[in-house]
C-alpha atoms as a PDB file:
ATOM      1  CA  MET A   1      49.949  94.171  53.510  1.00  0.00           C
ATOM      2  CA  THR A   2      48.520  92.930  50.235  1.00  0.00           C
ATOM      3  CA  ILE A   3      46.616  89.664  49.980  1.00  0.00           C
ATOM      4  CA  HIS A   4      49.610  88.125  48.170  1.00  0.00           C
ATOM      5  CA  GLU A   5      51.964  89.159  50.963  1.00  0.00           C
ATOM      6  CA  HIS A   6      49.526  87.839  53.563  1.00  0.00           C
ATOM      7  CA  LEU A   7      49.216  84.470  51.803  1.00  0.00           C
ATOM      8  CA  ALA A   8      52.986  84.203  51.364  1.00  0.00           C
ATOM      9  CA  ALA A   9      53.517  84.938  55.063  1.00  0.00           C
ATOM     10  CA  PHE A  10      50.892  82.363  56.026  1.00  0.00           C
ATOM     11  CA  ASP A  11      52.440  79.775  53.708  1.00  0.00           C
ATOM     12  CA  GLY A  12      55.850  80.172  55.341  1.00  0.00           C
ATOM     13  CA  TRP A  13      54.382  80.186  58.841  1.00  0.00           C
ATOM     14  CA  LEU A  14      52.210  77.100  58.248  1.00  0.00           C
ATOM     15  CA  THR A  15      55.014  75.159  56.577  1.00  0.00           C
ATOM     16  CA  SER A  16      57.241  75.756  59.606  1.00  0.00           C
ATOM     17  CA  ARG A  17      54.496  74.727  62.049  1.00  0.00           C
ATOM     18  CA  ILE A  18      53.811  71.522  60.081  1.00  0.00           C
ATOM     19  CA  GLU A  19      57.518  70.696  60.152  1.00  0.00           C
ATOM     20  CA  ASP A  20      57.612  71.332  63.923  1.00  0.00           C
ATOM     21  CA  ALA A  21      54.544  69.149  64.537  1.00  0.00           C
ATOM     22  CA  TYR A  22      55.752  66.320  62.332  1.00  0.00           C
ATOM     23  CA  ALA A  23      59.210  66.321  63.967  1.00  0.00           C
ATOM     24  CA  ALA A  24      57.596  66.204  67.423  1.00  0.00           C
ATOM     25  CA  HIS A  25      55.194  63.393  66.361  1.00  0.00           C
ATOM     26  CA  LYS A  26      52.217  65.646  67.106  1.00  0.00           C
ATOM     27  CA  ASP A  27      49.108  66.891  65.331  1.00  0.00           C
ATOM     28  CA  LEU A  28      48.788  70.612  64.597  1.00  0.00           C
ATOM     29  CA  ALA A  29      45.943  72.958  65.519  1.00  0.00           C
ATOM     30  CA  PHE A  30      45.955  76.578  64.377  1.00  0.00           C
ATOM     31  CA  ARG A  31      43.689  79.576  63.932  1.00  0.00           C
ATOM     32  CA  ASP A  32      43.756  83.199  62.819  1.00  0.00           C
ATOM     33  CA  LEU A  33      44.078  85.977  65.360  1.00  0.00           C
ATOM     34  CA  ALA A  34      42.537  89.256  64.314  1.00  0.00           C
ATOM     35  CA  PRO A  35      44.877  92.242  64.406  1.00  0.00           C
ATOM     36  CA  VAL A  36      44.243  94.550  67.339  1.00  0.00           C
ATOM     37  CA  ARG A  37      45.134  97.700  65.383  1.00  0.00           C
ATOM     38  CA  GLU A  38      44.445  98.480  61.748  1.00  0.00           C
ATOM     39  CA  ASP A  39      48.142  98.773  60.897  1.00  0.00           C
ATOM     40  CA  GLU A  40      49.044  95.512  62.655  1.00  0.00           C
ATOM     41  CA  ARG A  41      49.656  92.328  60.708  1.00  0.00           C
ATOM     42  CA  ALA A  42      47.369  89.380  61.196  1.00  0.00           C
ATOM     43  CA  THR A  43      48.951  86.595  63.166  1.00  0.00           C
ATOM     44  CA  TRP A  44      48.175  82.993  63.875  1.00  0.00           C
ATOM     45  CA  GLU A  45      47.991  80.931  67.021  1.00  0.00           C
ATOM     46  CA  TYR A  46      48.909  77.263  67.140  1.00  0.00           C
ATOM     47  CA  ALA A  47      49.096  74.281  69.446  1.00  0.00           C
ATOM     48  CA  LEU A  48      50.831  70.938  69.076  1.00  0.00           C
ATOM     49  CA  LEU A  49      48.449  68.159  70.072  1.00  0.00           C
ATOM     50  CA  ASN A  50      48.929  64.559  71.015  1.00  0.00           C
ATOM     51  CA  PRO A  51      47.714  62.403  68.115  1.00  0.00           C
ATOM     52  CA  GLY A  52      43.917  62.322  68.079  1.00  0.00           C
ATOM     53  CA  GLN A  53      43.565  64.991  70.784  1.00  0.00           C
ATOM     54  CA  ARG A  54      40.712  67.492  70.434  1.00  0.00           C
ATOM     55  CA  ALA A  55      41.344  71.052  69.305  1.00  0.00           C
ATOM     56  CA  PRO A  56      41.926  73.618  72.050  1.00  0.00           C
ATOM     57  CA  ALA A  57      38.883  75.357  73.512  1.00  0.00           C
ATOM     58  CA  GLY A  58      37.546  78.256  71.488  1.00  0.00           C
ATOM     59  CA  GLU A  59      36.338  78.880  67.967  1.00  0.00           C
ATOM     60  CA  GLY A  60      38.069  78.815  64.626  1.00  0.00           C
ATOM     61  CA  TRP A  61      40.601  76.022  65.123  1.00  0.00           C
ATOM     62  CA  SER A  62      41.748  73.945  62.162  1.00  0.00           C
ATOM     63  CA  VAL A  63      43.434  70.656  63.022  1.00  0.00           C
ATOM     64  CA  TYR A  64      45.867  68.832  60.785  1.00  0.00           C
ATOM     65  CA  ARG A  65      46.072  65.170  61.783  1.00  0.00           C
ATOM     66  CA  LEU A  66      49.695  64.484  60.872  1.00  0.00           C
ATOM     67  CA  GLN A  67      50.409  61.376  62.918  1.00  0.00           C
ATOM     68  CA  GLY A  68      49.260  58.027  61.612  1.00  0.00           C
ATOM     69  CA  VAL A  69      48.379  59.564  58.250  1.00  0.00           C
ATOM     70  CA  TRP A  70      51.532  59.972  56.215  1.00  0.00           C
ATOM     71  CA  PRO A  71      53.009  56.451  56.405  1.00  0.00           C
ATOM     72  CA  GLU A  72      49.780  54.876  55.150  1.00  0.00           C
ATOM     73  CA  PHE A  73      49.418  57.522  52.461  1.00  0.00           C
ATOM     74  CA  LEU A  74      52.957  57.043  51.252  1.00  0.00           C
ATOM     75  CA  ASP A  75      52.660  53.234  51.317  1.00  0.00           C
ATOM     76  CA  ASN A  76      49.525  53.412  49.137  1.00  0.00           C
ATOM     77  CA  LYS A  77      50.888  55.978  46.714  1.00  0.00           C
ATOM     78  CA  PRO A  78      50.350  54.834  43.108  1.00  0.00           C
ATOM     79  CA  ALA A  79      53.460  53.997  41.145  1.00  0.00           C
ATOM     80  CA  ILE A  80      54.392  56.532  38.487  1.00  0.00           C
END
């Protein structure tokens, strides 16, 4: 898998997880999982969190705080 293919796969995966989290009114935590074999594709692990909840135990988690963020952002968006 080339770096471009890997980034495209991650983009599609992350977009879907963000949509899932937003629809469920949750925050999103995710991290990379190293492939077990050399020929295996890298995968990602995720968890939907209650708003403000800490990341799951373990290292490498990124948390997107989706709840309570977007409405304020959109309300304060500058007029074009």
